[in-house]
Amino acid sequence: MESIVLGINIGHDRGAAILENGILLGAIAQERVDRIKHSTSMEIPFKAIDSLLNYFHISFNQIKYVGLSGTAVNIYELEYFYYTQLEEYYNYSDFKIIPVTHHLAHAESVFNTSGFEEAIIFVADGGGELIGNLEEAETIFWGKGKNIHALEQRLQSNYMHSFGRPQMYVYPFMNKQFSTEQISLGKKYSQITALLGFGLHGAGKTMGLAPYGKNLIDFKISPLDTFKFSLTFTDILDQIYNLFLKSGESYFLFIEKNKANIAQTMQCYLEKRIHVIVDYIIYKYQPKCICLAGGLFLNCPVNHQLIKNHPNINFFIFPACGDDGQAIGAAFHAYKMFGSDLKCTSFTPYLGLDYKDNEIKAALIEKNLKYKQYSFERLSTILAKELKENKIIGLLHGRSEIGPRALCHRSIIASPTSSKMKDYLNKRVKHRETFRPFGPAVIDSSQFEIFNLKQDSPFMLLAAQVSSKYKGKIPAVTHIDGSARIQSISKHQNPFIYDIILKYASLTGIPVILNTSFNDNNEPIVESPYDAINTFLKTNIDILVIEDFIVYKESSL
């Protein structure tokens, strides 16, 4: 008998995942299919669910359990609310909803894909499940085999969610009655991000801007003897306000002049605070392996700093560690209702959809585009030569990746050797801030020679310094502080991309290409051939590759 479960996440970054007989078949974020960035809604992500059911030829009637997670809710109170929606939509009632609390879903997603038999799991994000009148902030779990248990948890105030109002991030506007209310590390980072004008979901911009500035505050963070450390609603913001008072400038001029410095100040605080927490975890629990999940661990400098500081610990970070990975954790937890073993020994992030030749041809013909079709071996030779000529290539290949980082299946690729490439891509292709960096995709056997990495980096979750030998050779992927956010490419998992880079290296001596997400500013990463073609036509991408089809910008019917 088949054991099939569905995992769904509601709130921001909604999504769906499917497990069959203990194997993670697929997962996709709703934004990839509804084309709404972060796709925030209390509604069930039916487009994501249906795309997976159709792809795997599974009927909803085959599903016995549905794992459900959300954000800033009591998920147990929503079981019937969402059961009736699923029952009505699919006209089927013989299934059971399994509520999964927010941080537990994070923990399930990372532990069950880590390959570890036993590990400590540290979850840190903006916020999670409602606990009375409070909300999850950070949680430490222990995982072994099929079992995951919470060990310690820090809670935060639940009243604060939206950063659209100045009362949430501009110090003199703040209600001083709330000044001692606790806040999560993730929400503090978002609070400073809002102060910088980057808005909701702009934490990546803060991380990218930080290396351009200097730390303004000498933080004194003592070692922990308990997990319940204090971080309040006004912390850091009050210190920044005091610096403004001493400046003699208007408040908004002070903030504008010190944007990079404030970003670096927040980054320094986060790195110090996370370091102290992990020290506490290691001292108290003596783990050999640590799993990291929650949106905070999209912060690449923090992640690599942890690995550098703790060389005897095996770390694993889930590539969809934000809420777009929640559905996977919910599915894992629901599958345990069958009492069967999970089988996720060789994890891949390529869990989305792919497209057949007839679908690709139909999309190209509809847009009146001329195309050629080659073998992958021939195509990789062509693309390597085009990269050497500084052509910018939009690439859709294989099943789409989970998480917010494009991992060369929905990527824009280019040469890393041109000093002008970064600014050109930011201004003319991505239409975004000039300070934002681009990542290198590197042959896995060369990653430790070219970058001062301490661990394999297949998911673009680690930022390390470029080695002195290569710093001047790959300026387009070297950030202002000499670092790079790396994705290693293996022949086993990515043979086509591996072949492109290998052939590019034979032409240039550089086994690295520039890799950035295939999307325009404020849009989701492309999913389908139609999405890829639309982005190709409205940006300054030179060449479009969809599987083994190639289109040049000037080629139209």
Protein backbone atom coordinates (compact mmCIF):
# COMPACT_ATOMS: atom_id res chain seq x y z
CA MET A 1 0.00 0.00 0.00
CA GLU A 2 1.32 3.45 -0.93
CA SER A 3 1.98 5.86 1.93
CA ILE A 4 1.58 9.39 0.55
CA VAL A 5 1.50 12.59 2.59
CA LEU A 6 1.12 16.22 1.66
CA GLY A 7 2.78 19.07 3.54
CA ILE A 8 1.49 22.62 3.26
CA ASN A 9 2.47 25.96 4.75
CA ILE A 10 0.21 28.99 5.01
CA GLY A 11 1.15 32.60 5.66
CA HIS A 12 4.08 34.18 3.86
CA ASP A 13 6.14 32.00 1.51
CA ARG A 14 3.34 29.46 1.23
CA GLY A 15 4.19 26.16 -0.36
CA ALA A 16 3.58 22.44 -0.70
CA ALA A 17 5.58 19.20 -0.50
CA ILE A 18 4.85 15.52 -1.15
CA LEU A 19 6.38 12.38 0.40
CA GLU A 20 5.71 8.88 -0.89
CA ASN A 21 6.86 5.76 0.96
CA GLY A 22 9.25 7.86 3.00
CA ILE A 23 10.88 9.57 0.01
CA LEU A 24 10.66 13.33 -0.53
CA LEU A 25 9.27 13.45 -4.06
CA GLY A 26 8.92 17.17 -4.55
CA ALA A 27 8.30 20.62 -3.12
CA ILE A 28 7.50 24.02 -4.55
CA ALA A 29 6.77 27.50 -3.23
CA GLN A 30 3.46 29.03 -4.25
CA GLU A 31 5.26 32.15 -5.53
CA ARG A 32 6.89 30.12 -8.29
CA VAL A 33 3.51 29.28 -9.80
CA ASP A 34 1.28 32.25 -8.89
CA ARG A 35 4.12 34.73 -9.66
CA ILE A 36 3.49 36.80 -6.51
CA LYS A 37 6.69 37.44 -4.56
CA HIS A 38 6.49 35.67 -1.17
CA SER A 39 2.81 34.84 -1.94
CA THR A 40 1.43 35.85 1.46
CA SER A 41 -2.06 34.64 2.31
CA MET A 42 -4.06 32.67 4.87
CA GLU A 43 -5.47 30.65 1.96
CA ILE A 44 -4.23 27.16 1.11
CA PRO A 45 -1.59 27.25 -1.69
CA PHE A 46 -3.72 25.23 -4.12
CA LYS A 47 -1.64 26.16 -7.18
CA ALA A 48 1.49 24.74 -5.55
CA ILE A 49 -0.35 21.61 -4.41
CA ASP A 50 -1.95 21.00 -7.79
CA SER A 51 1.30 21.53 -9.66
CA LEU A 52 2.91 18.74 -7.62
CA LEU A 53 -0.07 16.40 -7.81
CA ASN A 54 -0.19 16.81 -11.59
CA TYR A 55 3.57 16.44 -11.99
CA PHE A 56 3.65 13.15 -10.08
CA HIS A 57 0.28 11.90 -11.38
CA ILE A 58 -1.07 11.65 -7.86
CA SER A 59 -4.72 12.15 -6.95
CA PHE A 60 -5.57 13.95 -3.71
CA ASN A 61 -7.69 10.89 -2.94
CA GLN A 62 -4.47 8.91 -2.47
CA ILE A 63 -3.34 11.18 0.40
CA LYS A 64 -3.97 9.95 3.92
CA TYR A 65 -2.32 12.67 5.99
CA VAL A 66 -1.78 16.40 5.43
CA GLY A 67 0.88 18.13 7.53
CA LEU A 68 -0.04 21.78 8.15
CA SER A 69 2.13 24.61 9.42
CA GLY A 70 1.70 28.38 9.69
CA THR A 71 3.19 31.50 11.26
CA ALA A 72 2.14 33.42 14.39
CA VAL A 73 -0.90 31.19 14.88
CA ASN A 74 -1.94 28.30 17.10
CA ILE A 75 -1.97 25.70 14.34
CA TYR A 76 -4.02 23.25 16.42
CA GLU A 77 -6.93 25.69 16.41
CA LEU A 78 -6.91 25.78 12.58
CA GLU A 79 -7.19 22.05 11.91
CA TYR A 80 -10.93 22.08 11.07
CA PHE A 81 -10.69 25.48 9.35
CA TYR A 82 -8.30 24.09 6.74
CA TYR A 83 -9.78 20.59 6.62
CA THR A 84 -13.05 22.01 5.29
CA GLN A 85 -11.24 24.02 2.59
CA LEU A 86 -9.35 20.97 1.35
CA GLU A 87 -12.47 18.80 1.55
CA GLU A 88 -14.49 21.27 -0.52
CA TYR A 89 -11.78 21.93 -3.13
CA TYR A 90 -10.95 18.27 -3.76
CA ASN A 91 -14.41 16.83 -2.98
CA TYR A 92 -12.78 14.26 -0.72
CA SER A 93 -12.94 13.77 3.02
CA ASP A 94 -11.02 10.61 3.95
CA PHE A 95 -7.83 12.32 5.13
CA LYS A 96 -6.54 13.73 8.37
CA ILE A 97 -4.77 17.03 9.01
CA ILE A 98 -1.68 16.81 11.22
CA PRO A 99 -0.93 20.23 12.76
CA VAL A 100 2.82 20.95 12.99
CA THR A 101 4.08 23.87 15.05
CA HIS A 102 6.25 26.38 13.25
CA HIS A 103 9.67 25.69 14.76
CA LEU A 104 9.05 21.95 14.75
CA ALA A 105 8.41 22.12 10.99
CA HIS A 106 11.75 23.93 10.58
CA ALA A 107 13.45 21.27 12.71
CA GLU A 108 11.87 18.40 10.76
CA SER A 109 12.91 19.91 7.42
CA VAL A 110 16.58 20.24 8.30
CA PHE A 111 17.13 17.11 10.40
CA ASN A 112 15.45 14.73 7.97
CA THR A 113 17.51 16.02 5.03
CA SER A 114 20.83 16.24 6.91
CA GLY A 115 21.81 12.58 6.75
CA PHE A 116 22.67 12.74 10.48
CA GLU A 117 21.49 9.93 12.73
CA GLU A 118 21.60 12.26 15.73
CA ALA A 119 22.00 16.02 16.02
CA ILE A 120 21.17 19.15 17.94
CA ILE A 121 18.87 21.39 15.88
CA PHE A 122 18.95 25.16 16.35
CA VAL A 123 16.00 27.09 14.87
CA ALA A 124 16.08 30.90 14.66
CA ASP A 125 13.77 33.10 12.61
CA GLY A 126 11.50 36.14 12.81
CA GLY A 127 8.89 34.29 14.79
CA GLY A 128 6.87 31.12 14.94
CA GLU A 129 4.01 29.51 16.80
CA LEU A 130 1.83 31.29 19.35
CA ILE A 131 2.57 30.09 22.88
CA GLY A 132 -0.15 31.66 25.02
CA ASN A 133 0.25 35.41 24.51
CA LEU A 134 3.86 34.99 23.36
CA GLU A 135 5.52 33.59 20.24
CA GLU A 136 8.45 31.33 19.40
CA ALA A 137 11.73 33.22 18.90
CA GLU A 138 14.53 30.63 18.99
CA THR A 139 14.38 26.92 19.84
CA ILE A 140 16.88 24.15 20.49
CA PHE A 141 15.78 20.63 19.52
CA TRP A 142 17.37 17.20 19.77
CA GLY A 143 16.86 14.78 16.90
CA LYS A 144 17.61 11.07 16.74
CA GLY A 145 16.20 8.66 14.20
CA LYS A 146 12.53 9.50 13.74
CA ASN A 147 12.30 11.47 16.98
CA ILE A 148 12.65 15.23 17.45
CA HIS A 149 12.13 16.86 20.85
CA ALA A 150 12.35 20.48 21.99
CA LEU A 151 14.99 21.02 24.67
CA GLU A 152 14.91 24.77 25.28
CA GLN A 153 13.00 27.67 23.85
CA ARG A 154 13.15 31.44 24.00
CA LEU A 155 9.90 33.37 23.51
CA GLN A 156 9.13 36.89 22.32
CA SER A 157 6.25 39.33 22.46
CA ASN A 158 3.53 38.59 19.92
CA TYR A 159 2.19 42.12 19.40
CA MET A 160 4.70 43.16 16.77
CA HIS A 161 4.57 41.80 13.23
CA SER A 162 4.42 44.48 10.54
CA PHE A 163 7.30 46.88 9.95
CA GLY A 164 5.19 49.17 7.77
CA ARG A 165 4.64 51.68 10.58
CA PRO A 166 7.43 53.90 11.97
CA GLN A 167 6.37 52.91 15.51
CA MET A 168 7.99 49.57 14.81
CA TYR A 169 11.49 50.81 13.95
CA VAL A 170 11.94 54.59 14.46
CA TYR A 171 13.01 55.03 18.08
CA PRO A 172 11.24 58.31 19.05
CA PHE A 173 7.94 56.97 17.64
CA MET A 174 8.05 53.84 19.76
CA ASN A 175 5.67 53.16 22.61
CA LYS A 176 8.03 53.13 25.59
CA GLN A 177 5.71 50.74 27.45
CA PHE A 178 6.95 48.11 25.02
CA SER A 179 10.64 48.96 25.40
CA THR A 180 11.40 45.89 27.52
CA GLU A 181 9.35 43.47 25.41
CA GLN A 182 11.44 40.60 24.04
CA ILE A 183 12.10 40.24 20.31
CA SER A 184 13.67 37.46 18.26
CA LEU A 185 17.05 37.73 16.58
CA GLY A 186 15.39 37.42 13.19
CA LYS A 187 12.85 40.12 13.94
CA LYS A 188 15.58 42.43 15.25
CA TYR A 189 17.42 42.02 11.95
CA SER A 190 14.14 42.81 10.12
CA GLN A 191 13.60 45.82 12.37
CA ILE A 192 16.97 47.30 11.41
CA THR A 193 16.26 46.38 7.77
CA ALA A 194 13.06 48.45 7.95
CA LEU A 195 15.01 51.37 9.45
CA LEU A 196 17.31 51.25 6.43
CA GLY A 197 14.32 51.53 4.09
CA PHE A 198 14.59 48.02 2.64
CA GLY A 199 11.12 46.98 3.74
CA LEU A 200 9.64 43.58 4.47
CA HIS A 201 11.74 40.63 3.26
CA GLY A 202 14.72 42.95 2.64
CA ALA A 203 17.17 41.29 5.04
CA GLY A 204 19.34 40.12 2.15
CA LYS A 205 19.91 43.76 1.22
CA THR A 206 21.10 44.53 4.75
CA MET A 207 23.49 41.58 4.56
CA GLY A 208 24.80 42.77 1.18
CA LEU A 209 25.25 46.39 2.29
CA ALA A 210 26.98 45.57 5.60
CA PRO A 211 30.53 45.08 4.21
CA TYR A 212 30.50 48.66 2.91
CA GLY A 213 30.22 50.04 6.47
CA LYS A 214 31.85 49.96 9.88
CA ASN A 215 30.44 48.87 13.22
CA LEU A 216 29.15 51.84 15.24
CA ILE A 217 28.57 50.05 18.58
CA ASP A 218 30.99 48.05 20.72
CA PHE A 219 28.70 45.23 21.76
CA LYS A 220 29.58 43.40 24.98
CA ILE A 221 27.90 40.01 24.79
CA SER A 222 28.68 37.71 27.70
CA PRO A 223 28.72 33.91 27.55
CA LEU A 224 25.33 32.35 28.29
CA ASP A 225 24.47 30.30 31.34
CA THR A 226 20.84 30.05 30.22
CA PHE A 227 19.14 30.10 26.83
CA LYS A 228 16.72 32.84 27.89
CA PHE A 229 18.96 35.80 27.02
CA SER A 230 17.44 39.28 26.72
CA LEU A 231 16.98 41.14 23.42
CA THR A 232 14.36 43.86 23.63
CA PHE A 233 12.17 45.82 21.24
CA THR A 234 14.33 48.97 21.53
CA ASP A 235 17.81 47.41 21.82
CA ILE A 236 20.30 48.70 19.20
CA LEU A 237 17.72 51.25 17.96
CA ASP A 238 18.12 53.29 21.15
CA GLN A 239 21.91 53.23 20.76
CA ILE A 240 21.64 54.34 17.12
CA TYR A 241 19.32 57.16 18.23
CA ASN A 242 21.86 58.30 20.83
CA LEU A 243 24.52 58.45 18.11
CA PHE A 244 22.17 60.63 16.07
CA LEU A 245 21.70 63.01 19.02
CA LYS A 246 25.46 63.51 19.14
CA SER A 247 25.77 64.07 15.38
CA GLY A 248 24.09 67.49 15.14
CA GLU A 249 22.32 66.33 11.96
CA SER A 250 18.65 65.71 11.19
CA TYR A 251 17.55 62.17 11.97
CA PHE A 252 16.84 61.04 8.43
CA LEU A 253 20.05 62.58 7.09
CA PHE A 254 21.97 60.74 9.82
CA ILE A 255 20.31 57.44 8.89
CA GLU A 256 20.91 57.97 5.18
CA LYS A 257 24.59 58.86 5.67
CA ASN A 258 25.11 55.87 7.97
CA LYS A 259 23.11 53.21 6.11
CA ALA A 260 26.10 50.98 5.49
CA ASN A 261 27.40 51.52 9.03
CA ILE A 262 24.04 50.61 10.55
CA ALA A 263 23.86 47.48 8.38
CA GLN A 264 27.35 46.47 9.50
CA THR A 265 26.43 47.18 13.13
CA MET A 266 23.46 44.80 12.93
CA GLN A 267 25.54 42.19 11.13
CA CYS A 268 28.24 42.36 13.82
CA TYR A 269 25.67 42.03 16.58
CA LEU A 270 24.10 39.01 14.92
CA GLU A 271 27.43 37.26 14.38
CA LYS A 272 28.45 37.80 18.01
CA ARG A 273 25.08 36.74 19.42
CA ILE A 274 24.84 33.57 17.29
CA HIS A 275 28.42 32.66 18.19
CA VAL A 276 27.61 32.90 21.90
CA ILE A 277 24.44 30.81 21.52
CA VAL A 278 26.23 28.03 19.62
CA ASP A 279 29.02 28.06 22.21
CA TYR A 280 26.31 27.51 24.83
CA ILE A 281 24.76 24.66 22.83
CA ILE A 282 28.11 22.92 22.37
CA TYR A 283 29.12 23.31 26.03
CA LYS A 284 25.78 22.06 27.37
CA TYR A 285 24.90 19.27 24.91
CA GLN A 286 28.28 18.19 23.48
CA PRO A 287 26.90 17.48 19.99
CA LYS A 288 28.91 16.07 17.11
CA CYS A 289 26.39 17.42 14.58
CA ILE A 290 24.33 20.63 14.51
CA CYS A 291 21.47 21.39 12.11
CA LEU A 292 20.52 25.02 11.47
CA ALA A 293 17.09 26.15 10.21
CA GLY A 294 14.91 29.23 10.16
CA GLY A 295 15.26 32.27 7.94
CA LEU A 296 18.12 33.69 10.01
CA PHE A 297 20.43 31.08 8.50
CA LEU A 298 20.12 32.55 5.03
CA ASN A 299 22.81 34.85 6.42
CA CYS A 300 25.91 33.50 4.68
CA PRO A 301 28.64 35.30 6.70
CA VAL A 302 27.12 34.09 9.97
CA ASN A 303 26.97 30.50 8.73
CA HIS A 304 30.58 30.31 7.61
CA GLN A 305 31.79 32.07 10.75
CA LEU A 306 30.14 29.33 12.82
CA ILE A 307 31.85 26.62 10.80
CA LYS A 308 35.23 28.37 11.11
CA ASN A 309 34.84 28.78 14.87
CA HIS A 310 33.79 25.16 15.45
CA PRO A 311 35.87 22.92 13.19
CA ASN A 312 35.03 19.77 15.15
CA ILE A 313 31.28 20.09 14.59
CA ASN A 314 29.47 18.83 11.50
CA PHE A 315 26.98 21.53 10.43
CA PHE A 316 24.08 21.17 8.01
CA ILE A 317 21.95 24.10 6.83
CA PHE A 318 18.74 23.50 4.92
CA PRO A 319 18.67 25.40 1.59
CA ALA A 320 15.02 26.39 2.10
CA CYS A 321 15.61 27.32 5.73
CA GLY A 322 13.04 30.14 5.51
CA ASP A 323 9.31 29.53 5.49
CA ASP A 324 9.34 28.27 1.89
CA GLY A 325 10.77 25.07 3.39
CA GLN A 326 8.08 24.71 6.06
CA ALA A 327 5.89 22.47 3.91
CA ILE A 328 8.71 19.94 3.69
CA GLY A 329 9.03 19.82 7.47
CA ALA A 330 5.27 19.50 7.83
CA ALA A 331 5.25 16.60 5.37
CA PHE A 332 8.06 14.80 7.21
CA HIS A 333 6.23 15.13 10.50
CA ALA A 334 2.93 13.94 9.03
CA TYR A 335 4.59 10.93 7.42
CA LYS A 336 5.55 9.65 10.84
CA MET A 337 1.85 8.88 11.39
CA PHE A 338 2.43 5.82 9.16
CA GLY A 339 5.06 4.61 11.64
CA SER A 340 7.43 4.01 8.71
CA ASP A 341 11.04 5.01 8.22
CA LEU A 342 11.97 8.11 6.26
CA LYS A 343 14.36 7.62 3.34
CA CYS A 344 16.20 10.86 2.67
CA THR A 345 19.80 9.68 2.50
CA SER A 346 20.77 11.57 -0.67
CA PHE A 347 19.12 14.97 -0.46
CA THR A 348 18.80 17.21 -3.53
CA PRO A 349 17.41 20.76 -3.60
CA TYR A 350 15.97 20.20 -7.10
CA LEU A 351 12.47 19.27 -6.00
CA GLY A 352 10.30 21.44 -8.25
CA LEU A 353 9.05 20.98 -11.81
CA ASP A 354 10.66 20.43 -15.19
CA TYR A 355 9.25 20.76 -18.69
CA LYS A 356 8.98 18.60 -21.80
CA ASP A 357 10.10 19.55 -25.31
CA ASN A 358 6.57 20.13 -26.57
CA GLU A 359 5.87 22.60 -23.74
CA ILE A 360 9.09 24.48 -24.44
CA LYS A 361 8.48 24.64 -28.20
CA ALA A 362 4.93 25.89 -27.67
CA ALA A 363 6.15 28.73 -25.46
CA LEU A 364 8.90 29.73 -27.92
CA ILE A 365 6.56 29.66 -30.92
CA GLU A 366 3.91 31.68 -29.10
CA LYS A 367 6.48 34.45 -28.58
CA ASN A 368 7.70 34.21 -32.22
CA LEU A 369 11.23 33.23 -31.18
CA LYS A 370 13.65 31.32 -33.38
CA TYR A 371 15.48 28.54 -31.59
CA LYS A 372 18.00 25.81 -32.13
CA GLN A 373 18.19 22.51 -30.31
CA TYR A 374 21.50 20.79 -29.55
CA SER A 375 22.77 17.88 -27.53
CA PHE A 376 23.74 18.93 -24.02
CA GLU A 377 27.40 18.19 -24.82
CA ARG A 378 27.34 20.51 -27.84
CA LEU A 379 25.33 23.13 -25.98
CA SER A 380 27.78 23.26 -23.06
CA THR A 381 30.61 23.95 -25.54
CA ILE A 382 28.62 26.81 -27.11
CA LEU A 383 27.74 28.33 -23.73
CA ALA A 384 31.32 28.19 -22.45
CA LYS A 385 32.44 30.18 -25.50
CA GLU A 386 29.60 32.69 -25.08
CA LEU A 387 30.50 33.20 -21.42
CA LYS A 388 34.10 33.89 -22.42
CA GLU A 389 32.74 36.60 -24.77
CA ASN A 390 30.93 38.19 -21.78
CA LYS A 391 27.46 37.18 -22.93
CA ILE A 392 24.74 37.05 -20.26
CA ILE A 393 22.74 33.82 -20.30
CA GLY A 394 19.35 33.03 -18.79
CA LEU A 395 19.27 29.33 -17.93
CA LEU A 396 16.31 27.05 -17.18
CA HIS A 397 17.49 23.49 -16.67
CA GLY A 398 15.95 20.47 -14.98
CA ARG A 399 13.69 20.60 -11.94
CA SER A 400 13.51 23.93 -10.14
CA GLU A 401 15.32 24.38 -6.85
CA ILE A 402 13.71 25.01 -3.47
CA GLY A 403 14.64 28.04 -1.41
CA PRO A 404 15.38 31.66 -2.37
CA ARG A 405 18.84 30.98 -3.84
CA ALA A 406 19.04 30.02 -7.50
CA LEU A 407 21.26 26.94 -7.77
CA CYS A 408 21.91 26.95 -11.54
CA HIS A 409 18.58 25.42 -12.53
CA ARG A 410 16.83 28.81 -12.72
CA SER A 411 19.85 31.10 -12.96
CA ILE A 412 21.39 33.94 -14.90
CA ILE A 413 25.02 33.03 -15.57
CA ALA A 414 27.88 35.19 -16.80
CA SER A 415 31.65 35.53 -16.76
CA PRO A 416 33.14 36.42 -13.35
CA THR A 417 36.30 37.96 -14.83
CA SER A 418 34.98 41.34 -16.02
CA SER A 419 35.23 44.20 -13.52
CA LYS A 420 32.22 45.84 -15.23
CA MET A 421 29.92 42.82 -15.12
CA LYS A 422 28.58 43.36 -11.58
CA ASP A 423 27.42 46.93 -12.21
CA TYR A 424 26.00 46.06 -15.63
CA LEU A 425 23.96 43.16 -14.26
CA ASN A 426 22.64 45.20 -11.34
CA LYS A 427 21.66 48.19 -13.49
CA ARG A 428 20.61 46.69 -16.82
CA VAL A 429 19.41 43.17 -16.03
CA LYS A 430 18.38 42.83 -12.39
CA HIS A 431 17.40 46.52 -11.91
CA ARG A 432 18.46 46.57 -8.29
CA GLU A 433 20.81 48.35 -5.89
CA THR A 434 24.42 48.61 -7.08
CA PHE A 435 25.86 47.37 -3.77
CA ARG A 436 24.29 43.92 -4.07
CA PRO A 437 26.78 41.14 -4.87
CA PHE A 438 26.67 38.12 -7.16
CA GLY A 439 27.68 34.59 -6.27
CA PRO A 440 30.17 32.25 -7.90
CA ALA A 441 29.33 28.73 -9.03
CA VAL A 442 32.55 26.72 -8.82
CA ILE A 443 33.64 23.19 -9.66
CA ASP A 444 33.52 21.36 -6.33
CA SER A 445 37.11 20.10 -6.53
CA SER A 446 38.34 23.71 -6.91
CA GLN A 447 36.27 25.41 -4.21
CA PHE A 448 38.88 25.12 -1.44
CA GLU A 449 41.67 26.43 -3.65
CA ILE A 450 39.77 29.48 -4.87
CA PHE A 451 37.89 30.31 -1.67
CA ASN A 452 38.93 30.04 1.97
CA LEU A 453 36.06 27.69 2.70
CA LYS A 454 35.92 25.37 5.68
CA GLN A 455 33.12 23.15 4.35
CA ASP A 456 31.55 22.15 1.04
CA SER A 457 29.03 24.80 -0.05
CA PRO A 458 26.48 23.25 -2.44
CA PHE A 459 23.52 25.49 -1.51
CA MET A 460 25.03 29.02 -1.65
CA LEU A 461 24.67 29.42 2.12
CA LEU A 462 28.31 30.16 3.01
CA ALA A 463 30.30 33.35 2.43
CA ALA A 464 34.08 32.98 2.51
CA GLN A 465 37.06 35.07 1.44
CA VAL A 466 38.36 34.72 -2.10
CA SER A 467 41.95 33.45 -1.97
CA SER A 468 44.67 35.99 -2.76
CA LYS A 469 45.58 34.08 -5.93
CA TYR A 470 42.11 34.54 -7.42
CA LYS A 471 40.85 37.82 -5.91
CA GLY A 472 41.90 39.89 -8.91
CA LYS A 473 40.77 37.25 -11.40
CA ILE A 474 37.07 37.06 -10.50
CA PRO A 475 36.03 40.65 -9.59
CA ALA A 476 32.39 40.22 -10.65
CA VAL A 477 31.78 37.71 -7.83
CA THR A 478 34.10 39.25 -5.22
CA HIS A 479 32.30 41.48 -2.73
CA ILE A 480 33.73 44.74 -1.39
CA ASP A 481 35.18 42.93 1.65
CA GLY A 482 36.86 40.24 -0.48
CA SER A 483 34.21 37.61 0.25
CA ALA A 484 31.97 35.57 -2.02
CA ARG A 485 28.73 33.62 -1.53
CA ILE A 486 29.64 30.24 -3.02
CA GLN A 487 27.80 27.39 -4.72
CA SER A 488 29.90 24.29 -5.40
CA ILE A 489 28.94 22.25 -8.46
CA SER A 490 29.38 18.48 -8.50
CA LYS A 491 29.36 16.30 -11.61
CA HIS A 492 27.02 13.85 -9.90
CA GLN A 493 24.28 16.33 -9.04
CA ASN A 494 24.72 18.86 -11.86
CA PRO A 495 26.44 17.24 -14.86
CA PHE A 496 25.34 19.86 -17.43
CA ILE A 497 26.40 22.88 -15.33
CA TYR A 498 29.59 21.07 -14.35
CA ASP A 499 30.41 20.56 -18.04
CA ILE A 500 29.79 24.23 -18.85
CA ILE A 501 32.15 25.39 -16.10
CA LEU A 502 34.76 22.80 -17.00
CA LYS A 503 34.77 23.94 -20.64
CA TYR A 504 34.78 27.59 -19.58
CA ALA A 505 37.82 26.79 -17.41
CA SER A 506 39.59 25.20 -20.39
CA LEU A 507 39.18 28.52 -22.25
CA THR A 508 40.02 30.88 -19.38
CA GLY A 509 41.79 28.93 -16.64
CA ILE A 510 38.98 29.91 -14.24
CA PRO A 511 36.67 27.06 -13.05
CA VAL A 512 34.09 29.61 -11.85
CA ILE A 513 31.07 31.32 -13.39
CA LEU A 514 28.83 34.08 -12.03
CA ASN A 515 25.45 32.80 -10.87
CA THR A 516 22.43 34.88 -9.86
CA SER A 517 18.73 34.17 -9.71
CA PHE A 518 16.80 34.24 -12.99
CA ASN A 519 14.34 37.04 -12.21
CA ASP A 520 13.88 40.78 -12.48
CA ASN A 521 13.77 42.97 -9.37
CA ASN A 522 10.89 42.23 -6.98
CA GLU A 523 9.77 39.18 -8.98
CA PRO A 524 9.89 35.50 -8.01
CA ILE A 525 12.53 33.34 -9.64
CA VAL A 526 11.25 32.03 -12.98
CA GLU A 527 9.64 28.62 -12.94
CA SER A 528 8.25 27.78 -16.38
CA PRO A 529 9.45 28.33 -19.96
CA TYR A 530 6.88 31.16 -20.24
CA ASP A 531 8.36 32.87 -17.17
CA ALA A 532 11.88 32.50 -18.54
CA ILE A 533 10.93 33.89 -21.95
CA ASN A 534 9.12 36.90 -20.44
CA THR A 535 12.13 37.81 -18.27
CA PHE A 536 14.51 37.26 -21.19
CA LEU A 537 12.55 39.62 -23.45
CA LYS A 538 12.22 42.47 -20.97
CA THR A 539 15.81 42.51 -19.67
CA ASN A 540 19.26 42.79 -21.23
CA ILE A 541 19.93 39.05 -21.14
CA ASP A 542 21.72 38.10 -24.38
CA ILE A 543 20.94 34.39 -24.64
CA LEU A 544 18.14 32.19 -23.35
CA VAL A 545 18.66 28.48 -22.73
CA ILE A 546 15.69 26.27 -21.83
CA GLU A 547 16.90 22.69 -21.46
CA ASP A 548 18.65 21.95 -24.79
CA PHE A 549 17.00 24.83 -26.69
CA ILE A 550 18.94 28.06 -27.28
CA VAL A 551 17.59 31.46 -28.32
CA TYR A 552 19.57 34.61 -29.14
CA LYS A 553 18.02 38.01 -28.42
CA GLU A 554 18.04 39.10 -32.07
CA SER A 555 16.49 35.81 -33.26
CA SER A 556 12.76 36.17 -33.90
CA LEU A 557 10.41 34.73 -36.48
